[in-house]
Amino acid sequence: MIATAVAFSENDLVEWDSSIDGTNTGAVRHLTRSIENGQAFAVVEVDHELPGILECVPLNQLRKTKFGKPRQEASK
């Protein structure tokens, strides 16, 4: 886990503001750091009608939320 002011972990439901799309929601899939400057990012699966849309969002832009769609495993 990457240390931040707010602790995020995989599968957390989050929201963030985008200048293009407005407020987005999604679930954290992975935490990573930039090779260039060390900034912490979350790879977030965006709540979207098409599954699997991923976006890298700086951790300082994320807020935890109770809303959103938790990832559902494929039924057998």
PDB file of N, CA and C in Angstrom:
ATOM      1  N   MET A   1       0.839  -1.171   0.000  1.00  0.00           N
ATOM      2  CA  MET A   1       0.000   0.000   0.000  1.00  0.00           C
ATOM      3  C   MET A   1       0.885   1.234   0.000  1.00  0.00           C
ATOM      4  N   ILE A   2       0.500   2.224  -0.762  1.00  0.00           N
ATOM      5  CA  ILE A   2       1.230   3.484  -0.835  1.00  0.00           C
ATOM      6  C   ILE A   2       0.671   4.427   0.229  1.00  0.00           C
ATOM      7  N   ALA A   3       1.536   5.048   1.017  1.00  0.00           N
ATOM      8  CA  ALA A   3       1.094   5.927   2.101  1.00  0.00           C
ATOM      9  C   ALA A   3       0.586   7.260   1.552  1.00  0.00           C
ATOM     10  N   THR A   4      -0.612   7.643   1.956  1.00  0.00           N
ATOM     11  CA  THR A   4      -1.200   8.933   1.602  1.00  0.00           C
ATOM     12  C   THR A   4      -1.934   9.470   2.825  1.00  0.00           C
ATOM     13  N   ALA A   5      -2.460  10.688   2.727  1.00  0.00           N
ATOM     14  CA  ALA A   5      -3.236  11.260   3.830  1.00  0.00           C
ATOM     15  C   ALA A   5      -4.489  10.420   4.090  1.00  0.00           C
ATOM     16  N   VAL A   6      -5.111   9.928   3.023  1.00  0.00           N
ATOM     17  CA  VAL A   6      -6.242   9.007   3.133  1.00  0.00           C
ATOM     18  C   VAL A   6      -5.765   7.684   2.583  1.00  0.00           C
ATOM     19  N   ALA A   7      -5.921   6.625   3.361  1.00  0.00           N
ATOM     20  CA  ALA A   7      -5.433   5.316   2.920  1.00  0.00           C
ATOM     21  C   ALA A   7      -6.410   4.698   1.926  1.00  0.00           C
ATOM     22  N   PHE A   8      -5.913   4.377   0.750  1.00  0.00           N
ATOM     23  CA  PHE A   8      -6.695   3.685  -0.255  1.00  0.00           C
ATOM     24  C   PHE A   8      -6.134   2.286  -0.411  1.00  0.00           C
ATOM     25  N   SER A   9      -7.000   1.354  -0.736  1.00  0.00           N
ATOM     26  CA  SER A   9      -6.549  -0.007  -1.025  1.00  0.00           C
ATOM     27  C   SER A   9      -7.366  -0.533  -2.209  1.00  0.00           C
ATOM     28  N   GLU A  10      -6.948  -1.654  -2.736  1.00  0.00           N
ATOM     29  CA  GLU A  10      -7.633  -2.222  -3.892  1.00  0.00           C
ATOM     30  C   GLU A  10      -9.084  -2.522  -3.545  1.00  0.00           C
ATOM     31  N   ASN A  11      -9.962  -2.304  -4.506  1.00  0.00           N
ATOM     32  CA  ASN A  11     -11.409  -2.506  -4.434  1.00  0.00           C
ATOM     33  C   ASN A  11     -12.148  -1.418  -3.668  1.00  0.00           C
ATOM     34  N   ASP A  12     -11.459  -0.369  -3.182  1.00  0.00           N
ATOM     35  CA  ASP A  12     -12.153   0.762  -2.571  1.00  0.00           C
ATOM     36  C   ASP A  12     -12.984   1.472  -3.636  1.00  0.00           C
ATOM     37  N   LEU A  13     -14.185   1.888  -3.263  1.00  0.00           N
ATOM     38  CA  LEU A  13     -15.010   2.698  -4.157  1.00  0.00           C
ATOM     39  C   LEU A  13     -14.604   4.147  -3.980  1.00  0.00           C
ATOM     40  N   VAL A  14     -14.343   4.837  -5.088  1.00  0.00           N
ATOM     41  CA  VAL A  14     -13.836   6.206  -5.047  1.00  0.00           C
ATOM     42  C   VAL A  14     -14.572   7.086  -6.043  1.00  0.00           C
ATOM     43  N   GLU A  15     -14.422   8.399  -5.854  1.00  0.00           N
ATOM     44  CA  GLU A  15     -14.915   9.362  -6.831  1.00  0.00           C
ATOM     45  C   GLU A  15     -13.865  10.442  -6.997  1.00  0.00           C
ATOM     46  N   TRP A  16     -13.896  11.113  -8.158  1.00  0.00           N
ATOM     47  CA  TRP A  16     -12.966  12.196  -8.447  1.00  0.00           C
ATOM     48  C   TRP A  16     -13.591  13.087  -9.504  1.00  0.00           C
ATOM     49  N   ASP A  17     -13.093  14.309  -9.577  1.00  0.00           N
ATOM     50  CA  ASP A  17     -13.598  15.285 -10.544  1.00  0.00           C
ATOM     51  C   ASP A  17     -12.665  15.347 -11.745  1.00  0.00           C
ATOM     52  N   SER A  18     -13.260  15.409 -12.917  1.00  0.00           N
ATOM     53  CA  SER A  18     -12.515  15.511 -14.165  1.00  0.00           C
ATOM     54  C   SER A  18     -13.006  16.746 -14.908  1.00  0.00           C
ATOM     55  N   SER A  19     -12.084  17.495 -15.487  1.00  0.00           N
ATOM     56  CA  SER A  19     -12.489  18.691 -16.232  1.00  0.00           C
ATOM     57  C   SER A  19     -13.275  18.327 -17.496  1.00  0.00           C
ATOM     58  N   ILE A  20     -13.123  17.119 -17.978  1.00  0.00           N
ATOM     59  CA  ILE A  20     -13.811  16.688 -19.197  1.00  0.00           C
ATOM     60  C   ILE A  20     -15.146  16.021 -18.883  1.00  0.00           C
ATOM     61  N   ASP A  21     -15.148  15.085 -17.917  1.00  0.00           N
ATOM     62  CA  ASP A  21     -16.335  14.267 -17.649  1.00  0.00           C
ATOM     63  C   ASP A  21     -17.118  14.665 -16.408  1.00  0.00           C
ATOM     64  N   GLY A  22     -16.661  15.656 -15.648  1.00  0.00           N
ATOM     65  CA  GLY A  22     -17.334  16.002 -14.390  1.00  0.00           C
ATOM     66  C   GLY A  22     -16.934  15.012 -13.302  1.00  0.00           C
ATOM     67  N   THR A  23     -17.875  14.655 -12.436  1.00  0.00           N
ATOM     68  CA  THR A  23     -17.585  13.713 -11.346  1.00  0.00           C
ATOM     69  C   THR A  23     -17.680  12.285 -11.855  1.00  0.00           C
ATOM     70  N   ASN A  24     -16.644  11.503 -11.578  1.00  0.00           N
ATOM     71  CA  ASN A  24     -16.595  10.088 -11.958  1.00  0.00           C
ATOM     72  C   ASN A  24     -16.557   9.227 -10.711  1.00  0.00           C
ATOM     73  N   THR A  25     -17.021   7.993 -10.827  1.00  0.00           N
ATOM     74  CA  THR A  25     -16.901   7.013  -9.748  1.00  0.00           C
ATOM     75  C   THR A  25     -16.290   5.747 -10.316  1.00  0.00           C
ATOM     76  N   GLY A  26     -15.717   4.948  -9.429  1.00  0.00           N
ATOM     77  CA  GLY A  26     -15.120   3.694  -9.858  1.00  0.00           C
ATOM     78  C   GLY A  26     -14.529   2.947  -8.682  1.00  0.00           C
ATOM     79  N   ALA A  27     -13.809   1.889  -8.984  1.00  0.00           N
ATOM     80  CA  ALA A  27     -13.186   1.041  -7.967  1.00  0.00           C
ATOM     81  C   ALA A  27     -11.684   0.954  -8.229  1.00  0.00           C
ATOM     82  N   VAL A  28     -10.900   1.107  -7.173  1.00  0.00           N
ATOM     83  CA  VAL A  28      -9.444   1.043  -7.285  1.00  0.00           C
ATOM     84  C   VAL A  28      -9.040  -0.388  -7.626  1.00  0.00           C
ATOM     85  N   ARG A  29      -8.223  -0.533  -8.651  1.00  0.00           N
ATOM     86  CA  ARG A  29      -7.720  -1.851  -9.059  1.00  0.00           C
ATOM     87  C   ARG A  29      -6.252  -2.043  -8.718  1.00  0.00           C
ATOM     88  N   HIS A  30      -5.492  -0.948  -8.666  1.00  0.00           N
ATOM     89  CA  HIS A  30      -4.055  -1.067  -8.410  1.00  0.00           C
ATOM     90  C   HIS A  30      -3.525   0.289  -7.963  1.00  0.00           C
ATOM     91  N   LEU A  31      -2.519   0.293  -7.094  1.00  0.00           N
ATOM     92  CA  LEU A  31      -1.841   1.510  -6.665  1.00  0.00           C
ATOM     93  C   LEU A  31      -0.412   1.477  -7.190  1.00  0.00           C
ATOM     94  N   THR A  32       0.077   2.609  -7.696  1.00  0.00           N
ATOM     95  CA  THR A  32       1.412   2.655  -8.276  1.00  0.00           C
ATOM     96  C   THR A  32       1.998   4.054  -8.123  1.00  0.00           C
ATOM     97  N   ARG A  33       3.263   4.204  -8.452  1.00  0.00           N
ATOM     98  CA  ARG A  33       3.945   5.502  -8.427  1.00  0.00           C
ATOM     99  C   ARG A  33       4.534   5.787  -9.804  1.00  0.00           C
ATOM    100  N   SER A  34       4.615   7.063 -10.127  1.00  0.00           N
ATOM    101  CA  SER A  34       5.226   7.493 -11.375  1.00  0.00           C
ATOM    102  C   SER A  34       6.732   7.246 -11.306  1.00  0.00           C
ATOM    103  N   ILE A  35       7.307   6.776 -12.390  1.00  0.00           N
ATOM    104  CA  ILE A  35       8.755   6.568 -12.453  1.00  0.00           C
ATOM    105  C   ILE A  35       9.471   7.911 -12.508  1.00  0.00           C
ATOM    106  N   GLU A  36       8.856   8.890 -13.162  1.00  0.00           N
ATOM    107  CA  GLU A  36       9.500  10.191 -13.354  1.00  0.00           C
ATOM    108  C   GLU A  36       9.603  11.014 -12.086  1.00  0.00           C
ATOM    109  N   ASN A  37       8.477  11.165 -11.342  1.00  0.00           N
ATOM    110  CA  ASN A  37       8.493  12.080 -10.200  1.00  0.00           C
ATOM    111  C   ASN A  37       8.024  11.457  -8.891  1.00  0.00           C
ATOM    112  N   GLY A  38       7.669  10.206  -8.879  1.00  0.00           N
ATOM    113  CA  GLY A  38       7.272   9.522  -7.654  1.00  0.00           C
ATOM    114  C   GLY A  38       5.854   9.796  -7.199  1.00  0.00           C
ATOM    115  N   GLN A  39       5.052  10.519  -8.010  1.00  0.00           N
ATOM    116  CA  GLN A  39       3.678  10.810  -7.626  1.00  0.00           C
ATOM    117  C   GLN A  39       2.869   9.523  -7.581  1.00  0.00           C
ATOM    118  N   ALA A  40       2.031   9.389  -6.542  1.00  0.00           N
ATOM    119  CA  ALA A  40       1.216   8.189  -6.360  1.00  0.00           C
ATOM    120  C   ALA A  40      -0.051   8.269  -7.211  1.00  0.00           C
ATOM    121  N   PHE A  41      -0.379   7.167  -7.873  1.00  0.00           N
ATOM    122  CA  PHE A  41      -1.557   7.058  -8.716  1.00  0.00           C
ATOM    123  C   PHE A  41      -2.346   5.818  -8.346  1.00  0.00           C
ATOM    124  N   ALA A  42      -3.641   5.860  -8.636  1.00  0.00           N
ATOM    125  CA  ALA A  42      -4.485   4.674  -8.547  1.00  0.00           C
ATOM    126  C   ALA A  42      -4.982   4.350  -9.946  1.00  0.00           C
ATOM    127  N   VAL A  43      -4.946   3.081 -10.291  1.00  0.00           N
ATOM    128  CA  VAL A  43      -5.579   2.622 -11.522  1.00  0.00           C
ATOM    129  C   VAL A  43      -7.010   2.278 -11.122  1.00  0.00           C
ATOM    130  N   VAL A  44      -7.974   3.026 -11.679  1.00  0.00           N
ATOM    131  CA  VAL A  44      -9.370   2.913 -11.275  1.00  0.00           C
ATOM    132  C   VAL A  44     -10.191   2.364 -12.427  1.00  0.00           C
ATOM    133  N   GLU A  45     -11.019   1.348 -12.137  1.00  0.00           N
ATOM    134  CA  GLU A  45     -11.978   0.860 -13.125  1.00  0.00           C
ATOM    135  C   GLU A  45     -13.202   1.754 -13.031  1.00  0.00           C
ATOM    136  N   VAL A  46     -13.453   2.514 -14.080  1.00  0.00           N
ATOM    137  CA  VAL A  46     -14.505   3.526 -14.089  1.00  0.00           C
ATOM    138  C   VAL A  46     -15.869   2.860 -14.207  1.00  0.00           C
ATOM    139  N   ASP A  47     -16.853   3.365 -13.415  1.00  0.00           N
ATOM    140  CA  ASP A  47     -18.239   2.923 -13.584  1.00  0.00           C
ATOM    141  C   ASP A  47     -18.709   3.428 -14.937  1.00  0.00           C
ATOM    142  N   HIS A  48     -18.909   2.518 -15.848  1.00  0.00           N
ATOM    143  CA  HIS A  48     -19.219   2.875 -17.232  1.00  0.00           C
ATOM    144  C   HIS A  48     -20.054   1.755 -17.813  1.00  0.00           C
ATOM    145  N   GLU A  49     -20.856   2.080 -18.818  1.00  0.00           N
ATOM    146  CA  GLU A  49     -21.680   1.032 -19.424  1.00  0.00           C
ATOM    147  C   GLU A  49     -20.833  -0.040 -20.113  1.00  0.00           C
ATOM    148  N   LEU A  50     -19.612   0.309 -20.494  1.00  0.00           N
ATOM    149  CA  LEU A  50     -18.690  -0.689 -21.040  1.00  0.00           C
ATOM    150  C   LEU A  50     -17.712  -1.105 -19.936  1.00  0.00           C
ATOM    151  N   PRO A  51     -17.701  -2.366 -19.538  1.00  0.00           N
ATOM    152  CA  PRO A  51     -16.809  -2.791 -18.457  1.00  0.00           C
ATOM    153  C   PRO A  51     -15.339  -2.770 -18.891  1.00  0.00           C
ATOM    154  N   GLY A  52     -14.461  -2.576 -17.915  1.00  0.00           N
ATOM    155  CA  GLY A  52     -13.033  -2.657 -18.178  1.00  0.00           C
ATOM    156  C   GLY A  52     -12.377  -1.344 -18.556  1.00  0.00           C
ATOM    157  N   ILE A  53     -13.079  -0.215 -18.451  1.00  0.00           N
ATOM    158  CA  ILE A  53     -12.482   1.087 -18.735  1.00  0.00           C
ATOM    159  C   ILE A  53     -11.625   1.480 -17.535  1.00  0.00           C
ATOM    160  N   LEU A  54     -10.311   1.660 -17.747  1.00  0.00           N
ATOM    161  CA  LEU A  54      -9.384   1.998 -16.669  1.00  0.00           C
ATOM    162  C   LEU A  54      -8.859   3.412 -16.856  1.00  0.00           C
ATOM    163  N   GLU A  55      -8.629   4.085 -15.732  1.00  0.00           N
ATOM    164  CA  GLU A  55      -8.075   5.433 -15.771  1.00  0.00           C
ATOM    165  C   GLU A  55      -7.076   5.566 -14.631  1.00  0.00           C
ATOM    166  N   CYS A  56      -5.939   6.201 -14.902  1.00  0.00           N
ATOM    167  CA  CYS A  56      -4.943   6.487 -13.858  1.00  0.00           C
ATOM    168  C   CYS A  56      -5.288   7.844 -13.257  1.00  0.00           C
ATOM    169  N   VAL A  57      -5.498   7.861 -11.937  1.00  0.00           N
ATOM    170  CA  VAL A  57      -5.908   9.077 -11.247  1.00  0.00           C
ATOM    171  C   VAL A  57      -4.927   9.340 -10.101  1.00  0.00           C
ATOM    172  N   PRO A  58      -4.382  10.552  -9.996  1.00  0.00           N
ATOM    173  CA  PRO A  58      -3.517  10.871  -8.861  1.00  0.00           C
ATOM    174  C   PRO A  58      -4.278  10.687  -7.544  1.00  0.00           C
ATOM    175  N   LEU A  59      -3.614  10.117  -6.541  1.00  0.00           N
ATOM    176  CA  LEU A  59      -4.285   9.843  -5.269  1.00  0.00           C
ATOM    177  C   LEU A  59      -4.813  11.101  -4.603  1.00  0.00           C
ATOM    178  N   ASN A  60      -4.151  12.238  -4.823  1.00  0.00           N
ATOM    179  CA  ASN A  60      -4.625  13.459  -4.176  1.00  0.00           C
ATOM    180  C   ASN A  60      -5.933  13.976  -4.774  1.00  0.00           C
ATOM    181  N   GLN A  61      -6.418  13.390  -5.856  1.00  0.00           N
ATOM    182  CA  GLN A  61      -7.694  13.787  -6.460  1.00  0.00           C
ATOM    183  C   GLN A  61      -8.840  12.853  -6.073  1.00  0.00           C
ATOM    184  N   LEU A  62      -8.528  11.738  -5.406  1.00  0.00           N
ATOM    185  CA  LEU A  62      -9.553  10.744  -5.077  1.00  0.00           C
ATOM    186  C   LEU A  62     -10.221  11.030  -3.742  1.00  0.00           C
ATOM    187  N   ARG A  63     -11.500  10.666  -3.662  1.00  0.00           N
ATOM    188  CA  ARG A  63     -12.256  10.687  -2.414  1.00  0.00           C
ATOM    189  C   ARG A  63     -12.948   9.342  -2.278  1.00  0.00           C
ATOM    190  N   LYS A  64     -12.948   8.797  -1.060  1.00  0.00           N
ATOM    191  CA  LYS A  64     -13.673   7.544  -0.835  1.00  0.00           C
ATOM    192  C   LYS A  64     -15.162   7.818  -0.890  1.00  0.00           C
ATOM    193  N   THR A  65     -15.915   6.834  -1.358  1.00  0.00           N
ATOM    194  CA  THR A  65     -17.364   6.959  -1.451  1.00  0.00           C
ATOM    195  C   THR A  65     -18.003   5.621  -1.138  1.00  0.00           C
ATOM    196  N   LYS A  66     -19.260   5.662  -0.776  1.00  0.00           N
ATOM    197  CA  LYS A  66     -20.015   4.431  -0.550  1.00  0.00           C
ATOM    198  C   LYS A  66     -20.851   4.098  -1.774  1.00  0.00           C
ATOM    199  N   PHE A  67     -20.812   4.989  -2.758  1.00  0.00           N
ATOM    200  CA  PHE A  67     -21.597   4.799  -3.972  1.00  0.00           C
ATOM    201  C   PHE A  67     -20.711   4.245  -5.071  1.00  0.00           C
ATOM    202  N   GLY A  68     -21.309   3.697  -6.066  1.00  0.00           N
ATOM    203  CA  GLY A  68     -20.568   3.118  -7.181  1.00  0.00           C
ATOM    204  C   GLY A  68     -20.924   1.655  -7.300  1.00  0.00           C
ATOM    205  N   LYS A  69     -20.357   1.032  -8.290  1.00  0.00           N
ATOM    206  CA  LYS A  69     -20.652  -0.379  -8.540  1.00  0.00           C
ATOM    207  C   LYS A  69     -19.447  -1.218  -8.123  1.00  0.00           C
ATOM    208  N   PRO A  70     -19.592  -2.052  -7.069  1.00  0.00           N
ATOM    209  CA  PRO A  70     -18.473  -2.937  -6.772  1.00  0.00           C
ATOM    210  C   PRO A  70     -18.284  -3.943  -7.896  1.00  0.00           C
ATOM    211  N   ARG A  71     -17.067  -4.346  -8.091  1.00  0.00           N
ATOM    212  CA  ARG A  71     -16.772  -5.284  -9.180  1.00  0.00           C
ATOM    213  C   ARG A  71     -17.456  -6.611  -8.927  1.00  0.00           C
ATOM    214  N   GLN A  72     -18.137  -7.107  -9.935  1.00  0.00           N
ATOM    215  CA  GLN A  72     -18.829  -8.385  -9.818  1.00  0.00           C
ATOM    216  C   GLN A  72     -18.055  -9.439 -10.587  1.00  0.00           C
ATOM    217  N   GLU A  73     -17.864 -10.556  -9.938  1.00  0.00           N
ATOM    218  CA  GLU A  73     -17.149 -11.656 -10.581  1.00  0.00           C
ATOM    219  C   GLU A  73     -18.090 -12.320 -11.593  1.00  0.00           C
ATOM    220  N   ALA A  74     -17.495 -12.863 -12.637  1.00  0.00           N
ATOM    221  CA  ALA A  74     -18.280 -13.540 -13.675  1.00  0.00           C
ATOM    222  C   ALA A  74     -18.986 -14.751 -13.085  1.00  0.00           C
ATOM    223  N   SER A  75     -20.253 -14.917 -13.426  1.00  0.00           N
ATOM    224  CA  SER A  75     -21.010 -16.060 -12.906  1.00  0.00           C
ATOM    225  C   SER A  75     -20.574 -17.320 -13.631  1.00  0.00           C
ATOM    226  N   LYS A  76     -20.642 -18.416 -12.925  1.00  0.00           N
ATOM    227  CA  LYS A  76     -20.190 -19.705 -13.484  1.00  0.00           C
ATOM    228  C   LYS A  76     -21.326 -20.436 -14.134  1.00  0.00           C
TER     229      LYS A  76
END
